[in-house]
Protein backbone atom coordinates (compact mmCIF):
# COMPACT_ATOMS: atom_id res chain seq x y z
CA MET A 1 -6.39 -5.64 10.93
CA GLU A 2 -9.55 -7.36 9.74
CA ASP A 3 -9.46 -9.11 6.35
CA ASP A 4 -12.11 -6.84 4.84
CA LEU A 5 -10.01 -3.77 5.68
CA MET A 6 -7.02 -5.32 3.93
CA GLU A 7 -8.88 -5.63 0.62
CA ARG A 8 -7.71 -3.35 -2.12
CA ARG A 9 -10.13 -0.51 -2.70
CA GLY A 10 -10.90 -0.05 -6.38
CA SER A 11 -13.52 1.01 -8.90
CA SER A 12 -14.21 1.33 -12.62
CA VAL A 13 -16.50 4.02 -14.05
CA THR A 14 -17.51 4.85 -17.64
CA ARG A 15 -19.18 8.07 -18.77
CA LYS A 16 -20.50 8.33 -22.33
CA THR A 17 -22.05 11.51 -23.71
CA GLY A 18 -22.53 13.02 -27.14
CA GLU A 19 -19.12 14.67 -26.68
CA THR A 20 -16.98 12.18 -24.77
CA LYS A 21 -16.44 8.58 -23.77
CA ILE A 22 -14.27 8.17 -20.70
CA THR A 23 -13.43 5.03 -18.73
CA VAL A 24 -11.41 5.18 -15.52
CA SER A 25 -10.28 2.13 -13.55
CA LEU A 26 -8.32 2.57 -10.35
CA THR A 27 -7.04 0.95 -7.19
CA LEU A 28 -6.33 3.27 -4.29
CA ASP A 29 -4.00 0.76 -2.62
CA GLY A 30 -1.72 0.26 -5.60
CA GLU A 31 1.85 0.99 -6.62
CA GLY A 32 1.37 4.28 -8.47
CA ALA A 33 1.10 2.90 -12.01
CA PHE A 34 -0.54 4.96 -14.77
CA ARG A 35 -1.75 3.47 -18.04
CA GLY A 36 -3.53 5.07 -20.98
CA SER A 37 -3.49 8.35 -22.84
CA THR A 38 -5.82 11.32 -23.01
CA GLY A 39 -4.29 12.73 -26.18
CA ILE A 40 -2.97 15.74 -24.23
CA LYS A 41 0.64 15.11 -23.23
CA PHE A 42 0.75 17.53 -20.31
CA PHE A 43 -2.56 16.18 -18.98
CA ASP A 44 -1.11 12.67 -19.12
CA HIS A 45 1.86 14.04 -17.15
CA ILE A 46 -0.51 15.45 -14.50
CA LEU A 47 -2.41 12.16 -14.22
CA SER A 48 0.75 10.08 -14.03
CA LEU A 49 2.09 12.29 -11.21
CA LEU A 50 -1.23 12.07 -9.37
CA ALA A 51 -1.14 8.26 -9.61
CA TYR A 52 2.55 7.83 -8.81
CA HIS A 53 2.71 10.00 -5.70
CA SER A 54 -0.62 8.81 -4.24
CA PHE A 55 0.28 5.13 -4.92
CA MET A 56 -3.01 4.85 -6.84
CA ASP A 57 -2.98 2.52 -9.84
CA LEU A 58 -4.83 4.40 -12.58
CA SER A 59 -5.97 3.42 -16.06
CA ILE A 60 -7.75 5.83 -18.42
CA GLU A 61 -9.37 5.41 -21.82
CA ALA A 62 -10.51 8.71 -23.30
CA GLU A 63 -12.25 9.85 -26.48
CA TRP A 64 -13.67 13.33 -27.03
CA ASP A 65 -14.50 16.04 -29.51
CA LEU A 66 -12.92 19.07 -27.77
CA LYS A 67 -10.11 19.18 -25.22
CA HIS A 68 -12.13 21.17 -22.70
CA HIS A 69 -14.94 18.59 -22.70
CA GLY A 70 -12.46 15.75 -22.33
CA VAL A 71 -10.52 17.31 -19.46
CA GLU A 72 -13.75 18.10 -17.60
CA ASP A 73 -15.14 14.60 -18.05
CA VAL A 74 -11.90 12.91 -17.00
CA GLY A 75 -12.15 14.95 -13.79
CA ILE A 76 -15.77 13.88 -13.32
CA VAL A 77 -15.14 10.18 -13.97
CA LEU A 78 -11.91 10.05 -11.97
CA GLY A 79 -13.69 11.71 -9.04
CA GLN A 80 -16.62 9.29 -9.26
CA ALA A 81 -14.26 6.31 -9.33
CA MET A 82 -12.33 7.61 -6.33
CA GLY A 83 -15.57 8.17 -4.42
CA GLU A 84 -16.78 4.65 -5.22
CA ALA A 85 -13.45 3.14 -4.19
CA LEU A 86 -13.67 4.94 -0.85
CA GLY A 87 -17.07 3.37 -0.21
CA GLU A 88 -18.52 4.46 3.14
CA ARG A 89 -15.15 6.05 3.98
CA GLU A 90 -14.99 4.19 7.26
CA GLY A 91 -11.66 3.60 8.97
CA ILE A 92 -9.72 6.22 7.00
CA ALA A 93 -7.63 9.14 8.24
CA ARG A 94 -9.96 11.53 6.32
CA PHE A 95 -7.59 14.53 6.34
CA GLY A 96 -4.41 14.91 4.33
CA TYR A 97 -1.91 17.72 3.89
CA ALA A 98 1.33 18.14 1.96
CA LEU A 99 3.86 20.89 1.26
CA ILE A 100 5.91 19.96 -1.81
CA PRO A 101 8.76 21.73 -3.66
CA MET A 102 9.57 21.49 -7.35
CA ASP A 103 12.84 23.33 -7.88
CA GLU A 104 11.98 27.01 -7.30
CA ALA A 105 8.23 26.38 -6.82
CA LEU A 106 6.49 25.46 -3.57
CA ALA A 107 2.92 24.19 -3.36
CA GLU A 108 0.58 23.04 -0.62
CA ALA A 109 -2.55 20.93 -0.74
CA SER A 110 -5.12 20.02 1.89
CA VAL A 111 -7.80 17.34 1.50
CA ASP A 112 -10.85 16.48 3.58
CA LEU A 113 -12.60 13.34 2.31
CA VAL A 114 -15.93 14.44 3.70
CA ARG A 115 -18.91 14.12 1.36
CA ARG A 116 -19.13 17.86 0.70
CA PRO A 117 -17.81 19.30 -2.55
CA HIS A 118 -15.67 22.39 -2.27
CA ILE A 119 -12.48 23.47 -3.99
CA LYS A 120 -10.17 26.43 -3.69
CA VAL A 121 -7.33 26.55 -6.23
CA ASP A 122 -4.68 29.23 -6.62
CA LEU A 123 -1.95 28.25 -9.07
CA SER A 124 -1.21 31.87 -10.13
CA LEU A 125 -0.09 30.79 -13.59
CA SER A 126 1.45 33.42 -15.87
CA ASN A 127 0.77 31.88 -19.27
CA PRO A 128 -2.47 30.86 -21.04
CA SER A 129 -1.15 27.37 -21.68
CA ILE A 130 1.48 24.92 -20.44
CA GLU A 131 2.94 22.67 -23.11
CA ASP A 132 -0.18 21.46 -25.00
CA MET A 133 -2.77 22.16 -22.28
CA ALA A 134 -4.78 25.30 -21.54
CA ALA A 135 -4.01 26.65 -18.07
CA GLU A 136 -7.71 27.19 -17.32
CA ASP A 137 -8.40 23.52 -18.10
CA ILE A 138 -5.98 22.46 -15.35
CA VAL A 139 -8.04 24.40 -12.80
CA HIS A 140 -11.27 23.08 -14.29
CA PHE A 141 -10.01 19.50 -14.00
CA LEU A 142 -9.33 19.99 -10.29
CA GLN A 143 -12.77 21.57 -9.80
CA SER A 144 -14.51 18.67 -11.57
CA LEU A 145 -12.49 16.16 -9.54
CA ALA A 146 -13.37 17.69 -6.16
CA ASN A 147 -17.05 18.04 -7.02
CA SER A 148 -17.33 14.43 -8.16
CA ILE A 149 -15.55 12.61 -5.30
CA PRO A 150 -17.02 14.67 -3.49
CA ALA A 151 -14.39 16.18 -1.19
CA VAL A 152 -13.01 19.44 0.12
CA ILE A 153 -9.74 20.30 -1.62
CA HIS A 154 -7.50 23.34 -1.26
CA VAL A 155 -4.47 23.74 -3.54
CA ASN A 156 -2.19 26.75 -3.32
CA VAL A 157 1.11 27.50 -4.99
CA ARG A 158 3.04 29.74 -2.62
CA TYR A 159 5.61 30.82 -5.19
CA GLY A 160 7.46 29.76 -8.32
CA LEU A 161 8.93 31.23 -11.49
CA ASN A 162 8.10 28.44 -13.94
CA ASP A 163 4.47 27.51 -14.69
CA HIS A 164 5.34 23.88 -15.41
CA HIS A 165 7.04 23.62 -12.02
CA ARG A 166 4.14 25.38 -10.29
CA VAL A 167 1.64 22.85 -11.64
CA GLU A 168 3.91 19.89 -11.00
CA ALA A 169 4.43 20.92 -7.37
CA ALA A 170 0.68 21.42 -6.94
CA VAL A 171 -0.23 18.01 -8.38
CA LYS A 172 2.42 16.22 -6.32
CA ALA A 173 1.16 17.97 -3.18
CA LEU A 174 -2.41 16.95 -3.99
CA ALA A 175 -1.35 13.34 -4.59
CA VAL A 176 0.44 13.10 -1.24
CA ALA A 177 -2.48 14.78 0.53
CA PHE A 178 -4.86 12.22 -1.03
CA ARG A 179 -2.60 9.36 0.01
CA ASN A 180 -2.52 10.60 3.60
CA ALA A 181 -6.27 11.22 3.70
CA TRP A 182 -7.41 7.84 2.38
CA GLN A 183 -4.86 5.77 4.30
CA ARG A 184 -6.40 3.37 6.77
CA GLU A 185 -6.37 4.44 10.40
CA PRO A 186 -6.19 1.25 12.49
CA ARG A 187 -7.40 3.00 15.66
CA ARG A 188 -10.62 4.14 13.99
CA ARG A 189 -13.72 2.03 13.59
CA GLY A 190 -16.59 3.52 11.63
CA PRO A 191 -16.88 6.93 9.99
CA PRO A 192 -14.08 9.47 10.58
CA SER A 193 -16.43 12.05 12.07
CA SER A 194 -17.71 12.91 15.53
CA LYS A 195 -21.15 13.17 13.90
CA GLY A 196 -21.13 9.44 13.14
CA MET A 197 -21.24 10.00 9.38
CA VAL A 198 -19.35 11.90 6.68
């Protein structure tokens, strides 16, 4: 494979508003390391799972006034950094899919790294919060992420009795789907689309 294709794909993005200051640094071709803290323990858990199972090295510095603003902006900045790291998206598989269990829960995720934002999420959570994070903020994070990459993302929890397990299965599935979608495809040269561009 050519030397330029072997380079590690990474990016660093900072977003500063009157409500938040978020910095995300990442390397797609990493070892799955997560560093930093958002101040929301369950959100840190989500981010660490996303990094670990996608093999993305991820570092986050986050300051905010309200949790909702912070979660949204982490999704925006993480998505922007992922999009920048993907560059022109040439030579990648483009599509990724995973079906992942977490004890009694089973979740599936599909990813298309095309430059069109769309997300469909069905976690079917029973409780208004999980640990120290609002359930609706988990969905909002995924929406902000997909819109900012941009990419098409579908996440569906087929079943599960425990909300923590449902979310954990969903995030792991998304991480593996990302990993499969952004992996390099040695047989492909140029954009992963019959149109000649994504």
